[in-house]
N, C-alpha and C. Protein backbone atom coordinates (compact mmCIF):
# COMPACT_ATOMS: atom_id res chain seq x y z
N MET A 1 -137.18 60.58 -9.44
CA MET A 1 -135.92 59.87 -9.38
C MET A 1 -136.31 59.85 -7.26
N ASP A 2 -136.05 58.75 -6.38
CA ASP A 2 -136.50 58.14 -5.51
C ASP A 2 -134.75 59.08 -5.07
N ASP A 3 -134.76 59.66 -4.13
CA ASP A 3 -133.85 60.06 -3.12
C ASP A 3 -133.48 58.84 -2.82
N ARG A 4 -134.13 57.92 -1.56
CA ARG A 4 -133.76 57.18 -0.60
C ARG A 4 -132.50 56.29 -1.33
N ALA A 5 -133.97 55.50 -1.74
CA ALA A 5 -132.90 54.71 -2.90
C ALA A 5 -131.95 54.55 -3.77
N LEU A 6 -132.11 56.67 -3.99
CA LEU A 6 -130.35 56.14 -4.41
C LEU A 6 -129.80 56.08 -3.72
N ASN A 7 -129.65 57.02 -2.71
CA ASN A 7 -128.86 56.86 -1.36
C ASN A 7 -128.32 55.38 -1.22
N ASP A 8 -129.59 54.79 -0.72
CA ASP A 8 -129.14 53.78 -0.90
C ASP A 8 -128.30 53.35 -1.24
N LEU A 9 -128.38 53.46 -2.81
CA LEU A 9 -127.79 53.05 -3.77
C LEU A 9 -125.83 52.91 -3.46
N ARG A 10 -125.79 54.67 -3.32
CA ARG A 10 -124.86 55.25 -3.35
C ARG A 10 -124.06 54.24 -2.13
N SER A 11 -124.45 54.14 -1.20
CA SER A 11 -124.55 53.38 0.37
C SER A 11 -123.68 52.46 0.02
N LEU A 12 -124.63 50.82 -1.05
CA LEU A 12 -123.74 49.94 -1.75
C LEU A 12 -122.75 50.45 -2.25
N ALA A 13 -122.79 51.37 -3.07
CA ALA A 13 -121.00 51.17 -3.72
C ALA A 13 -120.00 51.65 -3.23
N ALA A 14 -121.01 52.31 -2.24
CA ALA A 14 -119.55 53.20 -1.12
C ALA A 14 -118.86 51.48 -0.26
N GLN A 15 -119.73 50.93 0.03
CA GLN A 15 -119.76 49.73 0.79
C GLN A 15 -118.85 48.48 -0.15
N ASP A 16 -119.25 48.52 -1.21
CA ASP A 16 -118.45 47.77 -2.39
C ASP A 16 -117.44 48.22 -2.13
N ALA A 17 -116.68 49.24 -2.88
CA ALA A 17 -115.54 49.66 -2.34
C ALA A 17 -113.97 49.40 -1.16
N GLN A 18 -115.21 49.13 -0.23
CA GLN A 18 -114.55 49.26 0.84
C GLN A 18 -114.29 47.42 0.51
N LEU A 19 -115.52 46.60 0.08
CA LEU A 19 -115.01 45.73 0.50
C LEU A 19 -113.91 44.52 -1.00
N ALA A 20 -113.82 45.52 -1.67
CA ALA A 20 -112.73 46.03 -3.08
C ALA A 20 -111.43 45.69 -1.78
N ALA A 21 -111.86 46.75 -1.19
CA ALA A 21 -110.54 47.02 -1.50
C ALA A 21 -109.42 46.19 0.09
N ALA A 22 -110.63 46.29 0.92
CA ALA A 22 -110.61 44.37 1.82
C ALA A 22 -109.89 42.64 1.30
N ALA A 23 -110.88 42.83 0.36
CA ALA A 23 -110.78 41.78 -0.53
C ALA A 23 -108.86 42.00 -0.97
N ALA A 24 -108.61 43.02 -1.21
CA ALA A 24 -107.27 43.51 -2.63
C ALA A 24 -106.05 42.84 -1.43
N ARG A 25 -106.36 43.41 0.27
CA ARG A 25 -105.54 43.89 0.40
C ARG A 25 -105.08 42.40 1.48
N LEU A 26 -106.51 41.29 1.45
CA LEU A 26 -106.36 40.06 1.84
C LEU A 26 -105.45 39.13 1.01
N ARG A 27 -105.82 39.89 -0.17
CA ARG A 27 -104.45 39.19 -1.53
C ARG A 27 -103.22 39.72 -1.08
N GLU A 28 -103.07 40.40 -0.65
CA GLU A 28 -101.37 41.09 -0.79
C GLU A 28 -100.86 40.59 0.08
N LEU A 29 -101.84 40.40 1.28
CA LEU A 29 -101.28 39.71 2.05
C LEU A 29 -100.93 38.24 2.01
N ASP A 30 -101.89 37.88 1.44
CA ASP A 30 -101.47 36.16 1.19
C ASP A 30 -100.67 35.62 -0.30
N SER A 31 -100.10 36.76 -0.79
CA SER A 31 -98.48 36.87 -1.52
C SER A 31 -97.53 37.02 -0.46
N GLU A 32 -97.96 38.23 0.40
CA GLU A 32 -96.40 38.57 1.63
C GLU A 32 -96.48 36.50 2.15
N ALA A 33 -97.31 36.19 2.61
CA ALA A 33 -97.16 34.59 3.20
C ALA A 33 -96.43 33.88 2.38
N SER A 34 -96.60 33.81 0.79
CA SER A 34 -96.57 32.86 -0.09
C SER A 34 -94.96 33.65 -0.30
N GLU A 35 -94.57 34.89 0.03
CA GLU A 35 -92.98 35.02 0.17
C GLU A 35 -92.35 34.42 0.97
N VAL A 36 -93.07 34.93 2.47
CA VAL A 36 -92.76 34.26 3.44
C VAL A 36 -91.83 32.77 3.55
N ARG A 37 -93.59 32.28 3.09
CA ARG A 37 -92.93 30.71 3.10
C ARG A 37 -91.63 30.17 2.36
N ALA A 38 -92.25 30.90 0.98
CA ALA A 38 -90.61 30.26 -0.27
C ALA A 38 -89.01 30.48 0.58
N ALA A 39 -89.10 31.49 0.76
CA ALA A 39 -87.62 31.94 1.60
C ALA A 39 -87.63 31.05 2.44
N ALA A 40 -88.18 31.21 3.40
CA ALA A 40 -87.93 30.10 4.53
C ALA A 40 -87.62 28.99 4.31
N GLU A 41 -88.35 28.66 3.00
CA GLU A 41 -88.81 27.41 2.79
C GLU A 41 -86.63 26.87 1.88
N ALA A 42 -86.27 28.09 1.16
CA ALA A 42 -84.85 27.99 0.63
C ALA A 42 -84.07 28.45 1.92
N VAL A 43 -84.30 28.57 3.18
CA VAL A 43 -83.24 28.60 4.04
C VAL A 43 -83.26 27.42 4.36
N ASP A 44 -84.35 26.65 4.65
CA ASP A 44 -84.17 25.79 5.44
C ASP A 44 -83.44 24.55 4.34
N ARG A 45 -83.85 24.58 2.85
CA ARG A 45 -82.94 23.23 1.97
C ARG A 45 -81.86 23.76 1.95
N PHE A 46 -81.33 24.88 2.26
CA PHE A 46 -79.99 25.21 1.87
C PHE A 46 -78.92 24.09 3.58
N PHE A 47 -79.75 24.52 4.77
CA PHE A 47 -79.25 24.24 5.92
C PHE A 47 -78.87 22.56 6.11
N ALA A 48 -80.69 22.40 4.84
CA ALA A 48 -80.55 20.49 5.27
C ALA A 48 -79.23 20.06 4.52
N VAL A 49 -78.84 20.99 3.78
CA VAL A 49 -77.65 19.61 3.26
C VAL A 49 -76.58 20.31 3.24
N TYR A 50 -76.68 21.41 3.97
CA TYR A 50 -75.32 21.52 4.12
C TYR A 50 -74.10 21.14 4.47
N PRO A 51 -74.18 20.67 5.20
CA PRO A 51 -72.68 20.10 6.47
C PRO A 51 -72.49 19.29 5.04
N ALA A 52 -72.77 18.53 3.84
CA ALA A 52 -72.87 17.06 3.26
C ALA A 52 -71.98 18.10 2.12
N GLU A 53 -72.27 19.70 1.42
CA GLU A 53 -71.52 20.06 0.87
C GLU A 53 -71.17 20.96 1.18
N ASP A 54 -70.70 21.67 2.28
CA ASP A 54 -69.31 21.66 3.11
C ASP A 54 -67.94 20.70 2.90
N THR A 55 -68.25 19.39 3.20
CA THR A 55 -67.18 18.89 2.94
C THR A 55 -66.83 18.32 1.77
N ALA A 56 -67.67 18.42 0.79
CA ALA A 56 -67.34 17.60 -0.31
C ALA A 56 -66.94 19.92 -1.08
N ARG A 57 -67.80 20.14 -1.06
CA ARG A 57 -66.55 21.12 -1.67
C ARG A 57 -65.22 21.02 -0.77
N ARG A 58 -65.09 21.39 0.51
CA ARG A 58 -63.47 21.29 0.77
C ARG A 58 -62.74 20.06 0.76
N GLU A 59 -63.04 19.15 0.68
CA GLU A 59 -62.51 18.42 -0.38
C GLU A 59 -61.51 18.60 -2.15
N THR A 60 -62.81 19.19 -2.90
CA THR A 60 -63.31 19.83 -4.11
C THR A 60 -61.70 20.87 -3.49
N VAL A 61 -61.42 21.51 -2.87
CA VAL A 61 -60.18 21.97 -2.51
C VAL A 61 -59.27 21.81 -2.45
N ARG A 62 -59.38 20.74 -1.66
CA ARG A 62 -57.99 19.82 -1.24
C ARG A 62 -57.39 19.23 -2.10
N GLU A 63 -58.04 18.29 -2.79
CA GLU A 63 -57.87 18.03 -4.46
C GLU A 63 -57.67 18.90 -5.71
N ALA A 64 -57.58 20.16 -6.01
CA ALA A 64 -57.16 20.86 -6.48
C ALA A 64 -55.97 21.96 -5.79
N GLU A 65 -55.92 21.72 -5.04
CA GLU A 65 -54.59 21.94 -3.85
C GLU A 65 -53.34 21.44 -4.43
N ALA A 66 -53.70 19.58 -4.22
CA ALA A 66 -53.40 19.13 -5.01
C ALA A 66 -52.68 19.04 -5.88
N GLU A 67 -53.46 19.15 -6.95
CA GLU A 67 -53.30 18.89 -7.62
C GLU A 67 -52.04 19.88 -8.44
N LEU A 68 -52.79 20.95 -7.29
CA LEU A 68 -52.14 22.38 -8.40
C LEU A 68 -50.15 22.32 -7.65
N ALA A 69 -49.88 21.47 -6.59
CA ALA A 69 -48.73 21.23 -6.09
C ALA A 69 -48.35 20.39 -6.40
N ARG A 70 -48.53 19.30 -7.60
CA ARG A 70 -48.26 18.30 -8.12
C ARG A 70 -47.38 18.62 -9.27
N ARG A 71 -48.79 19.75 -10.09
CA ARG A 71 -48.03 20.38 -12.12
C ARG A 71 -46.84 21.36 -11.23
N GLY A 72 -46.28 22.04 -9.87
CA GLY A 72 -45.44 22.87 -9.06
C GLY A 72 -44.09 21.74 -9.64
N ASP A 73 -44.03 20.39 -8.86
CA ASP A 73 -43.57 19.72 -8.72
C ASP A 73 -43.12 18.89 -10.32
N GLU A 74 -43.66 19.14 -10.87
CA GLU A 74 -43.34 18.67 -12.46
C GLU A 74 -42.97 19.54 -13.18
N LEU A 75 -42.84 20.96 -12.76
CA LEU A 75 -42.02 21.81 -13.60
C LEU A 75 -40.85 22.14 -12.93
N ARG A 76 -40.87 22.19 -11.18
CA ARG A 76 -39.23 22.13 -11.38
C ARG A 76 -38.42 20.85 -11.94
N GLU A 77 -38.36 19.76 -11.46
CA GLU A 77 -38.13 18.75 -12.69
C GLU A 77 -38.12 18.60 -13.83
N ALA A 78 -38.59 20.00 -13.71
CA ALA A 78 -38.54 19.94 -15.52
C ALA A 78 -36.94 20.92 -15.76
N GLU A 79 -37.72 22.38 -15.27
CA GLU A 79 -36.30 22.65 -14.82
C GLU A 79 -34.89 22.49 -14.43
N SER A 80 -34.95 21.43 -13.82
CA SER A 80 -34.06 20.65 -13.52
C SER A 80 -32.84 19.89 -14.76
N ARG A 81 -34.00 18.92 -15.10
CA ARG A 81 -33.30 18.40 -16.55
C ARG A 81 -33.11 19.76 -17.32
N LEU A 82 -33.06 21.21 -17.87
CA LEU A 82 -33.06 21.65 -18.23
C LEU A 82 -31.51 21.74 -18.08
N VAL A 83 -31.29 22.04 -16.83
CA VAL A 83 -30.17 22.78 -16.16
C VAL A 83 -29.13 21.19 -16.20
N GLU A 84 -29.42 20.28 -16.29
CA GLU A 84 -28.85 19.10 -16.18
C GLU A 84 -28.62 18.54 -17.69
N ALA A 85 -29.42 19.86 -18.72
CA ALA A 85 -29.59 19.04 -19.99
C ALA A 85 -27.54 19.60 -21.29
N ARG A 86 -27.28 17.94 -21.82
CA ARG A 86 -25.36 18.54 -22.13
C ARG A 86 -25.71 18.44 -23.62
N ASP A 87 -26.84 18.57 -24.30
CA ASP A 87 -27.20 18.37 -25.13
C ASP A 87 -27.99 19.18 -25.68
N ASP A 88 -27.80 19.64 -27.36
CA ASP A 88 -29.21 19.86 -27.90
C ASP A 88 -30.51 19.61 -27.83
N ASP A 89 -30.58 18.43 -28.05
CA ASP A 89 -31.46 17.32 -27.86
C ASP A 89 -32.28 17.24 -26.32
N ALA A 90 -31.70 17.17 -25.33
CA ALA A 90 -31.51 17.25 -24.09
C ALA A 90 -32.51 18.27 -23.77
N ARG A 91 -31.73 19.58 -23.70
CA ARG A 91 -32.13 20.81 -23.75
C ARG A 91 -33.51 20.84 -24.40
N ALA A 92 -34.06 20.61 -25.38
CA ALA A 92 -34.88 20.79 -26.33
C ALA A 92 -36.19 19.96 -25.24
N HIS A 93 -35.61 19.23 -25.21
CA HIS A 93 -36.97 18.55 -25.08
C HIS A 93 -36.50 18.98 -23.22
N ALA A 94 -36.45 18.72 -22.46
CA ALA A 94 -36.26 19.78 -21.32
C ALA A 94 -37.09 20.73 -21.56
N GLN A 95 -36.95 21.52 -22.30
CA GLN A 95 -37.91 23.12 -22.55
C GLN A 95 -39.35 22.57 -22.55
N HIS A 96 -39.37 21.51 -23.70
CA HIS A 96 -40.78 21.40 -23.98
C HIS A 96 -41.47 20.59 -22.66
N ALA A 97 -40.45 19.94 -22.26
CA ALA A 97 -41.28 19.22 -20.88
C ALA A 97 -42.10 20.21 -19.51
N ILE A 98 -41.36 21.49 -19.39
CA ILE A 98 -41.92 22.79 -19.27
C ILE A 98 -42.54 23.48 -19.59
N ASP A 99 -42.96 23.86 -21.16
CA ASP A 99 -43.62 24.40 -21.62
C ASP A 99 -44.91 23.92 -21.04
N ARG A 100 -44.61 22.38 -21.46
CA ARG A 100 -45.74 21.52 -20.70
C ARG A 100 -46.12 21.51 -19.44
N ALA A 101 -45.40 21.77 -18.49
CA ALA A 101 -45.21 21.94 -16.89
C ALA A 101 -46.15 23.59 -16.69
N HIS A 102 -46.34 24.23 -17.44
CA HIS A 102 -46.47 25.62 -17.21
C HIS A 102 -47.95 25.66 -17.69
N ASP A 103 -48.65 25.07 -18.93
CA ASP A 103 -50.00 24.93 -19.34
C ASP A 103 -50.25 23.95 -18.11
N HIS A 104 -50.03 23.27 -17.63
CA HIS A 104 -50.44 22.59 -16.89
C HIS A 104 -50.71 22.96 -15.39
N ILE A 105 -49.61 23.36 -15.13
CA ILE A 105 -50.17 24.44 -14.10
C ILE A 105 -50.91 25.75 -14.25
N ALA A 106 -51.37 26.40 -14.96
CA ALA A 106 -52.68 27.24 -15.64
C ALA A 106 -53.44 26.93 -15.43
N VAL A 107 -53.92 25.42 -15.60
CA VAL A 107 -54.89 24.56 -16.22
C VAL A 107 -55.33 24.63 -14.41
N ALA A 108 -54.73 23.89 -13.65
CA ALA A 108 -54.75 23.79 -11.99
C ALA A 108 -55.37 24.96 -11.23
N GLU A 109 -54.21 26.04 -11.14
CA GLU A 109 -54.40 27.10 -10.94
C GLU A 109 -55.89 27.57 -11.44
N ALA A 110 -56.82 27.27 -12.57
CA ALA A 110 -58.03 27.58 -12.62
C ALA A 110 -58.68 26.84 -11.42
N GLY A 111 -58.86 25.27 -12.31
CA GLY A 111 -59.46 24.81 -11.60
C GLY A 111 -59.78 24.76 -9.32
N PHE A 112 -57.53 25.40 -8.93
CA PHE A 112 -58.34 25.98 -7.92
C PHE A 112 -58.73 26.82 -7.28
N ALA A 113 -59.08 27.77 -8.66
CA ALA A 113 -59.38 29.11 -8.15
C ALA A 113 -61.22 28.78 -8.26
N ARG A 114 -61.47 28.62 -9.64
CA ARG A 114 -62.29 27.69 -9.68
C ARG A 114 -63.57 26.74 -7.72
N ALA A 115 -62.91 25.96 -7.29
CA ALA A 115 -62.85 25.68 -6.62
C ALA A 115 -62.81 25.96 -5.14
N ARG A 116 -62.19 27.45 -4.73
CA ARG A 116 -62.30 27.63 -4.01
C ARG A 116 -62.68 29.03 -3.75
N ALA A 117 -63.56 29.63 -5.35
CA ALA A 117 -64.81 30.13 -5.47
C ALA A 117 -66.15 29.72 -4.71
N SER A 118 -65.97 28.40 -5.31
CA SER A 118 -67.66 27.71 -5.06
C SER A 118 -67.26 27.47 -3.26
N TYR A 119 -67.06 27.23 -2.90
CA TYR A 119 -66.16 26.91 -1.31
C TYR A 119 -66.57 28.03 -1.06
N ASP A 120 -65.87 29.56 -1.44
CA ASP A 120 -66.12 30.53 -0.37
C ASP A 120 -67.94 30.92 -0.87
N GLU A 121 -68.16 30.92 -1.54
CA GLU A 121 -69.68 31.29 -1.71
C GLU A 121 -70.20 30.74 -0.71
N LEU A 122 -70.20 29.28 -0.90
CA LEU A 122 -71.42 28.28 0.03
C LEU A 122 -71.05 29.07 1.88
N GLU A 123 -69.62 29.22 2.19
CA GLU A 123 -69.38 29.17 3.90
C GLU A 123 -70.33 31.11 3.50
N HIS A 124 -69.71 32.22 2.64
CA HIS A 124 -70.76 33.08 2.74
C HIS A 124 -72.65 33.53 2.50
N GLU A 125 -72.93 32.40 1.69
CA GLU A 125 -74.33 31.46 1.83
C GLU A 125 -74.72 31.68 3.29
N ALA A 126 -73.94 30.81 3.98
CA ALA A 126 -74.08 29.73 5.21
C ALA A 126 -74.44 30.97 6.27
N ALA A 127 -73.15 32.15 5.80
CA ALA A 127 -72.68 33.18 7.68
C ALA A 127 -74.02 33.69 6.91
N GLU A 128 -74.65 34.24 6.06
CA GLU A 128 -75.90 35.36 5.77
C GLU A 128 -77.04 34.57 5.84
N LEU A 129 -77.62 33.64 5.15
CA LEU A 129 -78.88 33.43 5.81
C LEU A 129 -79.55 33.22 6.96
N PRO A 130 -78.82 33.12 8.06
CA PRO A 130 -79.39 33.17 9.59
C PRO A 130 -80.10 34.30 9.49
N ALA A 131 -79.27 35.59 8.80
CA ALA A 131 -79.42 37.05 9.04
C ALA A 131 -81.14 37.59 8.64
N ARG A 132 -81.51 36.18 7.80
CA ARG A 132 -83.22 36.86 7.00
C ARG A 132 -83.22 35.93 7.72
N VAL A 133 -84.31 34.91 8.86
CA VAL A 133 -84.81 34.25 9.47
C VAL A 133 -85.30 35.51 10.46
N PRO A 134 -84.65 36.46 11.19
CA PRO A 134 -85.49 37.63 11.78
C PRO A 134 -86.55 38.32 11.29
N VAL A 135 -85.61 38.52 9.61
CA VAL A 135 -86.61 39.32 8.93
C VAL A 135 -87.87 38.69 8.60
N LEU A 136 -88.19 37.93 8.23
CA LEU A 136 -88.84 37.22 7.63
C LEU A 136 -90.08 36.68 8.66
N GLU A 137 -89.08 36.08 10.13
CA GLU A 137 -90.21 35.89 10.95
C GLU A 137 -91.09 37.30 11.21
N ALA A 138 -90.17 38.71 10.85
CA ALA A 138 -91.09 40.01 11.14
C ALA A 138 -91.99 40.18 10.72
N ARG A 139 -91.93 39.84 9.15
CA ARG A 139 -92.88 40.21 8.28
C ARG A 139 -94.29 39.13 8.25
N ALA A 140 -93.77 38.03 8.41
CA ALA A 140 -95.11 37.21 8.89
C ALA A 140 -95.95 37.62 9.73
N ALA A 141 -95.21 38.40 11.33
CA ALA A 141 -95.24 39.10 12.10
C ALA A 141 -96.69 40.19 12.15
N ALA A 142 -96.22 40.78 10.86
CA ALA A 142 -97.23 41.81 10.48
C ALA A 142 -98.36 41.23 9.84
N VAL A 143 -98.28 40.70 9.22
CA VAL A 143 -99.47 39.16 8.55
C VAL A 143 -100.02 39.23 9.65
N ALA A 144 -99.84 38.84 10.46
CA ALA A 144 -100.77 38.40 11.48
C ALA A 144 -101.35 39.30 12.23
N ALA A 145 -100.77 39.92 12.01
CA ALA A 145 -101.40 41.77 13.49
C ALA A 145 -102.18 42.22 12.29
N GLU A 146 -102.41 41.94 11.14
CA GLU A 146 -103.83 42.78 10.15
C GLU A 146 -104.92 41.14 10.46
N VAL A 147 -104.53 40.24 10.39
CA VAL A 147 -105.83 39.14 10.22
C VAL A 147 -105.93 38.96 11.36
N PRO A 148 -107.11 38.60 12.63
CA PRO A 148 -107.21 38.16 13.71
C PRO A 148 -106.95 36.54 13.82
N ASP A 149 -107.25 35.78 12.42
CA ASP A 149 -107.62 34.45 12.28
C ASP A 149 -106.39 33.82 11.96
N VAL A 150 -105.16 34.78 11.75
CA VAL A 150 -103.93 34.67 11.69
C VAL A 150 -102.65 34.87 12.66
N PRO A 151 -102.54 32.79 12.81
CA PRO A 151 -101.77 33.12 14.00
C PRO A 151 -100.29 33.72 14.17
N ALA A 152 -99.52 33.91 15.30
CA ALA A 152 -97.99 34.52 15.51
C ALA A 152 -97.44 33.52 14.55
N PRO A 153 -96.68 33.97 14.31
CA PRO A 153 -95.12 32.89 13.75
C PRO A 153 -95.15 32.37 14.73
N GLY A 154 -93.67 31.05 14.66
CA GLY A 154 -93.22 30.09 15.62
C GLY A 154 -91.93 31.12 15.03
N GLU A 155 -90.11 31.02 15.32
CA GLU A 155 -89.19 31.17 15.67
C GLU A 155 -88.71 29.87 14.59
N GLY A 156 -88.02 30.64 13.29
CA GLY A 156 -86.41 29.43 12.70
C GLY A 156 -87.92 29.40 11.24
N PRO A 157 -87.13 28.75 10.91
CA PRO A 157 -87.42 28.52 9.40
C PRO A 157 -88.85 27.04 9.11
N ARG A 158 -88.60 26.35 9.94
CA ARG A 158 -89.65 25.51 9.58
C ARG A 158 -90.68 25.83 9.93
N ALA A 159 -90.92 26.64 11.37
CA ALA A 159 -92.29 27.40 11.91
C ALA A 159 -92.65 28.35 10.53
N LEU A 160 -91.59 29.00 10.49
CA LEU A 160 -92.64 29.82 8.93
C LEU A 160 -93.05 29.62 8.49
N VAL A 161 -92.34 28.25 7.66
CA VAL A 161 -93.42 27.56 6.95
C VAL A 161 -94.78 26.83 6.94
N ASP A 162 -94.63 26.50 8.65
CA ASP A 162 -95.67 26.18 9.15
C ASP A 162 -96.58 26.80 8.76
N TRP A 163 -96.15 28.31 9.82
CA TRP A 163 -96.82 29.01 9.55
C TRP A 163 -97.86 29.74 8.72
N ALA A 164 -96.74 29.45 7.85
CA ALA A 164 -97.80 30.20 6.12
C ALA A 164 -97.94 29.33 5.42
N SER A 165 -98.15 28.22 5.67
CA SER A 165 -99.50 26.96 5.16
C SER A 165 -100.77 27.56 5.73
N HIS A 166 -100.66 27.95 7.22
CA HIS A 166 -101.80 28.17 8.17
C HIS A 166 -103.16 29.13 7.58
N ALA A 167 -101.14 30.49 7.74
CA ALA A 167 -101.80 31.99 7.17
C ALA A 167 -102.60 31.58 5.47
N HIS A 168 -102.25 30.59 4.47
CA HIS A 168 -102.94 31.26 3.19
C HIS A 168 -104.71 30.77 3.65
N ALA A 169 -104.42 29.67 4.07
CA ALA A 169 -105.67 28.66 4.07
C ALA A 169 -106.41 29.74 5.30
N GLU A 170 -106.92 30.57 5.87
CA GLU A 170 -107.02 32.00 6.35
C GLU A 170 -106.79 32.99 5.83
N LEU A 171 -105.60 33.35 5.30
CA LEU A 171 -106.47 34.08 4.20
C LEU A 171 -107.39 34.53 2.91
N PHE A 172 -107.20 33.02 2.52
CA PHE A 172 -107.97 32.51 1.37
C PHE A 172 -109.69 32.56 1.90
N VAL A 173 -109.81 31.99 3.04
CA VAL A 173 -111.14 32.20 3.39
C VAL A 173 -111.60 33.08 3.86
N ALA A 174 -111.10 33.69 4.67
CA ALA A 174 -111.29 35.10 4.54
C ALA A 174 -111.79 36.55 3.54
N ALA A 175 -110.86 35.85 2.02
CA ALA A 175 -110.80 36.86 1.10
C ALA A 175 -111.77 35.91 0.16
N GLY A 176 -112.54 34.66 0.46
CA GLY A 176 -112.80 33.76 -0.22
C GLY A 176 -115.13 34.63 0.21
N GLN A 177 -114.59 35.03 1.59
CA GLN A 177 -116.17 35.62 2.36
C GLN A 177 -116.30 36.99 2.32
N ILE A 178 -115.38 37.61 2.06
CA ILE A 178 -115.39 39.25 0.98
C ILE A 178 -116.24 38.95 -0.02
N ASP A 179 -115.96 38.61 -1.23
CA ASP A 179 -116.12 38.13 -2.30
C ASP A 179 -117.92 37.58 -2.60
N THR A 180 -118.00 37.01 -1.42
CA THR A 180 -119.63 35.84 -1.68
C THR A 180 -120.19 37.31 -0.70
N GLU A 181 -119.91 38.19 0.10
CA GLU A 181 -120.52 39.51 0.62
C GLU A 181 -120.37 40.61 -0.51
N ARG A 182 -119.38 40.98 -1.06
CA ARG A 182 -119.58 41.43 -3.13
C ARG A 182 -120.60 41.50 -4.02
N GLU A 183 -121.18 40.26 -3.79
CA GLU A 183 -121.76 39.62 -4.71
C GLU A 183 -122.69 39.86 -4.18
N ARG A 184 -123.31 39.70 -2.86
CA ARG A 184 -125.04 40.30 -2.59
C ARG A 184 -125.07 41.59 -2.57
N THR A 185 -123.52 42.29 -2.34
CA THR A 185 -123.56 43.45 -2.39
C THR A 185 -123.75 44.29 -3.85
N ILE A 186 -123.25 43.82 -4.70
CA ILE A 186 -123.08 44.53 -5.84
C ILE A 186 -125.01 44.03 -6.40
N ARG A 187 -125.32 41.84 -6.45
CA ARG A 187 -126.80 42.19 -6.63
C ARG A 187 -127.87 43.00 -6.40
N GLU A 188 -127.37 43.82 -4.32
CA GLU A 188 -128.71 44.74 -4.45
C GLU A 188 -127.97 46.41 -5.03
N ALA A 189 -127.34 46.28 -5.48
CA ALA A 189 -127.45 47.33 -5.88
C ALA A 189 -127.82 48.02 -7.95
N ASN A 190 -127.43 46.49 -7.95
CA ASN A 190 -127.96 46.15 -9.69
C ASN A 190 -129.36 46.45 -9.30
N GLU A 191 -130.01 45.77 -8.22
CA GLU A 191 -131.84 45.46 -8.28
C GLU A 191 -132.37 47.12 -8.17
N LEU A 192 -130.78 47.87 -7.04
CA LEU A 192 -131.48 49.28 -6.84
C LEU A 192 -131.93 49.84 -7.94
N ALA A 193 -130.82 49.67 -9.49
CA ALA A 193 -129.90 50.76 -9.93
C ALA A 193 -131.44 50.52 -11.24
N SER A 194 -132.09 49.31 -11.91
CA SER A 194 -132.53 48.52 -12.49
C SER A 194 -133.87 49.39 -11.52
N MET A 195 -134.29 48.97 -10.30
CA MET A 195 -135.75 49.76 -10.58
C MET A 195 -134.92 51.50 -10.32
N LEU A 196 -134.58 51.95 -10.51
CA LEU A 196 -134.46 53.73 -11.04
C LEU A 196 -135.05 53.84 -12.36
N THR A 197 -133.37 53.27 -12.79
CA THR A 197 -134.00 53.78 -14.33
C THR A 197 -134.74 53.03 -14.83
N GLY A 198 -135.04 52.25 -14.12
CA GLY A 198 -136.40 50.67 -15.14
C GLY A 198 -136.17 50.70 -16.30
N GLU A 199 -134.82 50.32 -16.34
CA GLU A 199 -133.71 49.07 -17.35
C GLU A 199 -132.95 48.54 -16.50
N PRO A 200 -132.71 46.60 -17.15
CA PRO A 200 -131.81 45.81 -16.52
C PRO A 200 -130.32 46.51 -16.55
N THR A 201 -129.96 46.30 -15.33
CA THR A 201 -128.73 47.29 -14.68
C THR A 201 -127.49 46.04 -14.53
N TYR A 202 -127.97 44.55 -15.00
CA TYR A 202 -127.47 43.55 -14.23
C TYR A 202 -125.20 43.04 -15.35
N GLY A 203 -124.94 42.46 -14.14
CA GLY A 203 -123.59 42.44 -14.75
C GLY A 203 -123.00 43.74 -14.78
N SER A 204 -123.51 45.07 -13.92
CA SER A 204 -122.36 45.88 -14.00
C SER A 204 -122.02 45.72 -12.63
N THR A 205 -120.89 46.64 -11.72
CA THR A 205 -120.30 46.82 -11.37
C THR A 205 -120.80 47.74 -9.70
N ALA A 206 -121.34 47.34 -8.75
CA ALA A 206 -121.98 48.48 -8.30
C ALA A 206 -121.70 49.86 -8.07
N ALA A 207 -120.37 50.40 -8.64
CA ALA A 207 -120.24 51.65 -9.26
C ALA A 207 -120.69 52.36 -10.31
N GLN A 208 -120.31 50.76 -11.79
CA GLN A 208 -121.41 51.60 -12.44
C GLN A 208 -122.67 51.13 -12.53
N ALA A 209 -123.16 50.92 -11.85
CA ALA A 209 -125.19 50.91 -11.49
C ALA A 209 -125.20 51.96 -10.97
N LEU A 210 -124.12 53.11 -10.19
CA LEU A 210 -124.27 53.77 -9.48
C LEU A 210 -124.18 54.95 -10.62
N ALA A 211 -123.47 55.44 -11.12
CA ALA A 211 -123.42 56.01 -12.63
C ALA A 211 -124.51 56.31 -13.07
N ARG A 212 -124.81 54.90 -13.60
CA ARG A 212 -126.26 55.04 -14.85
C ARG A 212 -127.17 54.83 -13.95
N ALA A 213 -126.83 55.24 -12.85
CA ALA A 213 -128.72 55.53 -12.30
C ALA A 213 -128.51 57.29 -11.59
N GLU A 214 -127.66 57.81 -11.36
CA GLU A 214 -127.42 58.99 -11.48
C GLU A 214 -127.57 59.45 -12.72
N ARG A 215 -127.24 59.61 -13.85
CA ARG A 215 -127.11 59.51 -14.95
C ARG A 215 -128.25 60.03 -15.80
N TYR A 216 -129.67 59.06 -15.03
CA TYR A 216 -131.01 59.35 -15.43
C TYR A 216 -131.99 60.04 -15.15
């Protein structure tokens, strides 16, 4: 066994492991950039429609509140008729109107509660979303700090969306370059292993080629 060639093969296997780890990390960073982009796009979309949505939900609350008030008036009118009723038929009719008014109020109260909850949810999101942006900016900056070709992000959701697109392109190219280097390393490792063992090892990883050579 050629010890020098075997040591070269070990170096190639170690190099391949390092390259694999580097490529995996680049893809992790690319995934992080994609998550930043998706979150930033969500924030940007929310505030693009927020003014119109806020107006619409406010109006829905006002309408629901007005409907509840109308149903309250309906109940009070029915109760007044019951007090004024002079015979059993009139009292029965007034009581039926009261029961119906209570049903209407229950429906109106449920509608108002839904409208109010929807509006409160919108306002809560509007108050909470801006705090996410600095966190996203920090995540983007951490990605940029690891890869020299990825620029630092700008401020705000739209800048983050643009940054993520650029970061993805750079990370994709960088990972591709490492993949090409790995292919060359694996090819060299298999050539060495085949020479050392006298058997073809093509199709093996660098680690597998080394293991076969060490067992030979």
